Protein backbone atom coordinates (compact mmCIF):
# COMPACT_ATOMS: atom_id res chain seq x y z
CA UNK A 1 -36.06 -156.25 -133.55
CA UNK A 2 -39.69 -156.85 -134.47
CA UNK A 3 -40.37 -154.20 -137.10
CA UNK A 4 -40.38 -154.44 -140.87
CA UNK A 5 -40.32 -151.96 -143.74
CA UNK A 6 -42.59 -153.20 -146.51
CA UNK A 7 -45.21 -152.15 -149.04
CA UNK A 8 -48.43 -153.95 -149.89
CA UNK A 9 -46.82 -155.34 -153.03
CA UNK A 10 -43.68 -156.56 -151.28
CA UNK A 11 -43.63 -159.52 -148.91
CA UNK A 12 -42.14 -158.92 -145.44
CA UNK A 13 -38.53 -159.88 -144.95
CA UNK A 14 -38.40 -162.66 -142.37
CA UNK A 15 -35.48 -163.10 -140.03
CA UNK A 16 -33.69 -159.95 -138.93
CA UNK A 17 -36.04 -157.02 -138.51
CA UNK A 18 -35.54 -153.49 -139.77
CA UNK A 19 -35.06 -150.98 -136.93
CA UNK A 20 -36.54 -148.27 -139.19
CA UNK A 21 -39.54 -150.37 -140.20
CA UNK A 22 -43.05 -148.99 -139.91
CA UNK A 23 -44.83 -152.30 -139.31
CA UNK A 24 -44.62 -153.81 -135.83
CA UNK A 25 -44.70 -157.60 -136.04
CA UNK A 26 -43.85 -159.33 -132.75
CA UNK A 27 -41.74 -162.39 -133.56
CA UNK A 28 -42.77 -165.95 -132.76
CA UNK A 29 -40.23 -168.74 -132.26
CA UNK A 30 -41.78 -172.12 -133.06
CA UNK A 31 -39.84 -175.32 -132.65
CA UNK A 32 -40.27 -178.97 -131.75
CA UNK A 33 -40.08 -180.51 -128.30
CA UNK A 34 -38.75 -183.84 -129.54
CA UNK A 35 -35.21 -184.59 -130.62
CA UNK A 36 -33.16 -185.61 -132.59
CA UNK A 37 -35.63 -185.99 -135.48
CA UNK A 38 -37.25 -182.56 -134.91
CA UNK A 39 -40.46 -183.55 -136.68
CA UNK A 40 -43.84 -182.05 -135.84
CA UNK A 41 -45.50 -185.48 -135.78
CA UNK A 42 -44.85 -188.14 -133.18
CA UNK A 43 -41.84 -190.33 -133.99
CA UNK A 44 -42.21 -193.60 -132.06
CA UNK A 45 -38.76 -194.89 -133.00
CA UNK A 46 -36.34 -192.04 -132.49
CA UNK A 47 -38.04 -189.24 -130.57
CA UNK A 48 -36.99 -188.20 -127.09
CA UNK A 49 -37.84 -185.01 -125.22
CA UNK A 50 -35.25 -182.29 -125.34
CA UNK A 51 -32.91 -182.16 -122.36
CA UNK A 52 -33.66 -179.64 -119.65
CA UNK A 53 -30.36 -177.86 -120.31
CA UNK A 54 -31.34 -177.50 -123.99
CA UNK A 55 -34.75 -176.11 -123.01
CA UNK A 56 -33.14 -173.57 -120.68
CA UNK A 57 -30.96 -172.32 -123.52
CA UNK A 58 -33.98 -172.25 -125.82
CA UNK A 59 -35.92 -170.15 -123.30
CA UNK A 60 -33.16 -167.57 -123.02
CA UNK A 61 -32.70 -167.41 -126.80
CA UNK A 62 -36.42 -167.00 -127.52
CA UNK A 63 -38.41 -165.55 -124.61
CA UNK A 64 -35.25 -163.83 -123.43
CA UNK A 65 -34.93 -162.13 -126.82
CA UNK A 66 -38.47 -160.76 -127.05
CA UNK A 67 -39.85 -163.75 -128.94
CA UNK A 68 -43.02 -165.67 -128.18
CA UNK A 69 -42.08 -169.35 -127.73
CA UNK A 70 -44.34 -171.93 -129.37
CA UNK A 71 -43.21 -175.40 -128.37
CA UNK A 72 -44.68 -178.32 -130.33
CA UNK A 73 -46.07 -181.25 -128.30
CA UNK A 74 -47.09 -184.13 -130.61
CA UNK A 75 -49.51 -186.74 -129.22
CA UNK A 76 -49.03 -190.45 -129.82
CA UNK A 77 -51.24 -192.24 -132.39
CA UNK A 78 -53.81 -193.15 -129.70
CA UNK A 79 -54.18 -189.47 -128.76
CA UNK A 80 -52.40 -189.74 -125.42
CA UNK A 81 -49.21 -187.97 -124.40
CA UNK A 82 -45.97 -189.81 -123.74
CA UNK A 83 -45.26 -189.86 -119.96
CA UNK A 84 -41.58 -188.96 -120.37
CA UNK A 85 -42.57 -185.93 -122.49
CA UNK A 86 -45.13 -184.83 -119.91
CA UNK A 87 -42.52 -185.16 -117.16
CA UNK A 88 -40.00 -183.05 -119.09
CA UNK A 89 -42.62 -180.33 -119.66
CA UNK A 90 -43.29 -180.29 -115.91
CA UNK A 91 -39.57 -179.97 -115.25
CA UNK A 92 -39.29 -177.13 -117.75
CA UNK A 93 -42.23 -175.26 -116.23
CA UNK A 94 -40.83 -175.87 -112.75
CA UNK A 95 -37.50 -174.38 -113.78
CA UNK A 96 -39.13 -171.23 -115.18
CA UNK A 97 -41.01 -170.69 -111.91
CA UNK A 98 -37.92 -171.44 -109.80
CA UNK A 99 -35.64 -169.16 -111.83
CA UNK A 100 -37.91 -166.25 -112.75
CA UNK A 101 -41.22 -166.80 -110.97
CA UNK A 102 -44.58 -166.12 -112.57
CA UNK A 103 -46.13 -163.55 -110.25
CA UNK A 104 -44.42 -162.06 -107.22
CA UNK A 105 -47.83 -161.75 -105.54
CA UNK A 106 -48.34 -165.51 -105.57
CA UNK A 107 -47.13 -167.20 -102.40
CA UNK A 108 -44.12 -169.43 -102.96
CA UNK A 109 -43.21 -167.83 -106.28
CA UNK A 110 -39.67 -166.61 -106.68
CA UNK A 111 -39.38 -162.85 -106.44
CA UNK A 112 -36.60 -160.65 -107.86
CA UNK A 113 -33.84 -159.45 -105.53
CA UNK A 114 -34.46 -155.89 -106.70
CA UNK A 115 -36.73 -153.89 -109.00
CA UNK A 116 -36.59 -150.36 -110.33
CA UNK A 117 -39.13 -147.91 -108.95
CA UNK A 118 -41.97 -146.64 -111.12
CA UNK A 119 -40.44 -143.17 -111.08
CA UNK A 120 -37.05 -144.47 -112.25
CA UNK A 121 -38.59 -146.33 -115.20
CA UNK A 122 -39.41 -143.01 -116.85
CA UNK A 123 -35.74 -141.98 -117.03
CA UNK A 124 -32.94 -142.93 -119.41
CA UNK A 125 -30.74 -144.24 -116.57
CA UNK A 126 -32.54 -146.70 -114.31
CA UNK A 127 -31.15 -147.81 -110.96
CA UNK A 128 -31.94 -151.26 -109.54
CA UNK A 129 -30.97 -151.59 -105.87
CA UNK A 130 -30.78 -155.07 -104.37
CA UNK A 131 -32.35 -155.85 -101.03
CA UNK A 132 -30.07 -156.64 -98.07
CA UNK A 133 -26.87 -158.41 -99.19
CA UNK A 134 -28.43 -160.14 -102.18
CA UNK A 135 -26.55 -160.70 -105.42
CA UNK A 136 -27.86 -161.02 -108.95
CA UNK A 137 -26.53 -162.46 -112.19
CA UNK A 138 -29.44 -161.74 -114.55
CA UNK A 139 -31.92 -158.99 -115.34
CA UNK A 140 -35.38 -159.07 -116.87
CA UNK A 141 -35.94 -155.88 -118.86
CA UNK A 142 -39.17 -154.89 -120.60
CA UNK A 143 -39.67 -151.87 -122.82
CA UNK A 144 -42.79 -149.72 -122.68
CA UNK A 145 -44.22 -150.30 -126.16
CA UNK A 146 -47.11 -147.84 -125.92
CA UNK A 147 -45.42 -145.66 -128.56
CA UNK A 148 -43.57 -148.40 -130.41
CA UNK A 149 -40.23 -150.13 -130.00
CA UNK A 150 -37.91 -147.16 -129.63
CA UNK A 151 -34.85 -148.34 -127.69
CA UNK A 152 -31.87 -148.60 -130.06
CA UNK A 153 -29.18 -149.28 -127.49
CA UNK A 154 -28.93 -150.21 -123.82
CA UNK A 155 -26.24 -151.22 -121.38
CA UNK A 156 -25.90 -152.45 -117.81
CA UNK A 157 -23.17 -151.17 -115.48
CA UNK A 158 -22.27 -151.80 -111.86
CA UNK A 159 -21.85 -149.20 -109.11
CA UNK A 160 -18.29 -148.45 -110.31
CA UNK A 161 -19.43 -147.85 -113.86
CA UNK A 162 -17.95 -151.09 -115.22
CA UNK A 163 -19.85 -152.44 -118.23
CA UNK A 164 -21.59 -155.74 -117.52
CA UNK A 165 -23.87 -156.11 -120.54
CA UNK A 166 -25.02 -154.23 -123.62
CA UNK A 167 -27.49 -154.73 -126.45
CA UNK A 168 -29.10 -153.00 -129.41
CA UNK A 169 -32.71 -154.18 -129.18
CA UNK A 170 -34.88 -154.70 -126.13
CA UNK A 171 -38.59 -154.95 -126.99
CA UNK A 172 -41.23 -156.85 -125.02
CA UNK A 173 -38.76 -158.77 -122.87
CA UNK A 174 -35.01 -159.18 -122.72
CA UNK A 175 -33.18 -161.45 -120.27
CA UNK A 176 -29.67 -160.17 -119.70
CA UNK A 177 -27.39 -162.88 -118.33
CA UNK A 178 -24.53 -161.08 -116.59
CA UNK A 179 -20.99 -162.49 -116.78
CA UNK A 180 -20.53 -162.37 -112.99
CA UNK A 181 -22.79 -162.04 -109.94
CA UNK A 182 -23.04 -158.47 -108.67
CA UNK A 183 -24.14 -157.02 -105.35
CA UNK A 184 -25.51 -153.68 -104.22
CA UNK A 185 -26.99 -152.19 -107.37
CA UNK A 186 -26.82 -151.97 -111.15
CA UNK A 187 -27.73 -149.25 -113.62
CA UNK A 188 -29.55 -149.73 -116.93
CA UNK A 189 -29.06 -146.96 -119.48
CA UNK A 190 -31.26 -146.81 -122.57
CA UNK A 191 -31.01 -144.70 -125.71
CA UNK A 192 -33.08 -144.01 -128.83
CA UNK A 193 -30.13 -142.45 -130.67
CA UNK A 194 -30.26 -143.32 -134.36
CA UNK A 195 -34.04 -143.59 -134.34
CA UNK A 196 -36.76 -141.03 -135.10
CA UNK A 197 -35.90 -137.56 -133.83
CA UNK A 198 -39.51 -136.79 -132.88
CA UNK A 199 -42.03 -138.53 -130.70
CA UNK A 200 -41.98 -139.83 -127.17
CA UNK A 201 -38.64 -140.85 -125.66
CA UNK A 202 -38.13 -144.54 -124.88
CA UNK A 203 -38.77 -145.89 -121.40
CA UNK A 204 -38.71 -149.17 -119.57
CA UNK A 205 -41.86 -150.84 -118.30
CA UNK A 206 -40.02 -153.20 -115.97
CA UNK A 207 -36.47 -153.71 -114.75
CA UNK A 208 -35.86 -156.52 -112.28
CA UNK A 209 -32.76 -158.33 -111.04
CA UNK A 210 -32.72 -162.04 -110.19
CA UNK A 211 -30.31 -164.35 -108.43
CA UNK A 212 -29.12 -167.60 -109.96
CA UNK A 213 -30.79 -169.64 -107.22
CA UNK A 214 -33.07 -172.20 -108.87
CA UNK A 215 -31.58 -171.50 -112.29
């Protein structure tokens, strides 16, 4: 959740947000690219780039939880960048493109196996139908924030109504990693129950399903 309840004389409470807060403050997740020392400056004796598996987990726990990821990249004393660090960054960027793509309109970029229609995004129960016999094991969900962050609860079910995933905060972007691959279709149900009783109802801006290929 990226809202806070505060007055001008009281500092914001960092960490967990307040779902009833009046101030919208999109979170930023800043961390170091080198390990194990985790210092912001270049460590010539102990520093190594994070493993790709660690970076994948970091991506899902930050970008996949509506947080802007700021990843530190410290240059060496001569101002150049360590080749092994540059290579790991390329691998990380390549994984993001291979797993989630960057723009479905760009040739060669991975596209989702199914997306919700524009009409469906305006409803509280959104259907995502997969093309052909495709399967998916993750969803990328984005809330329409034109009237604030209003979704208080959401869940994902399969065609039989079995619960696959649920959450309490969605925001700018949420990556839902499903426990098993599913085929056919899934349904995303959102709710603003527990929030303000007046105002515009919540809606999704995007709902897309992806396969694990490349992930």
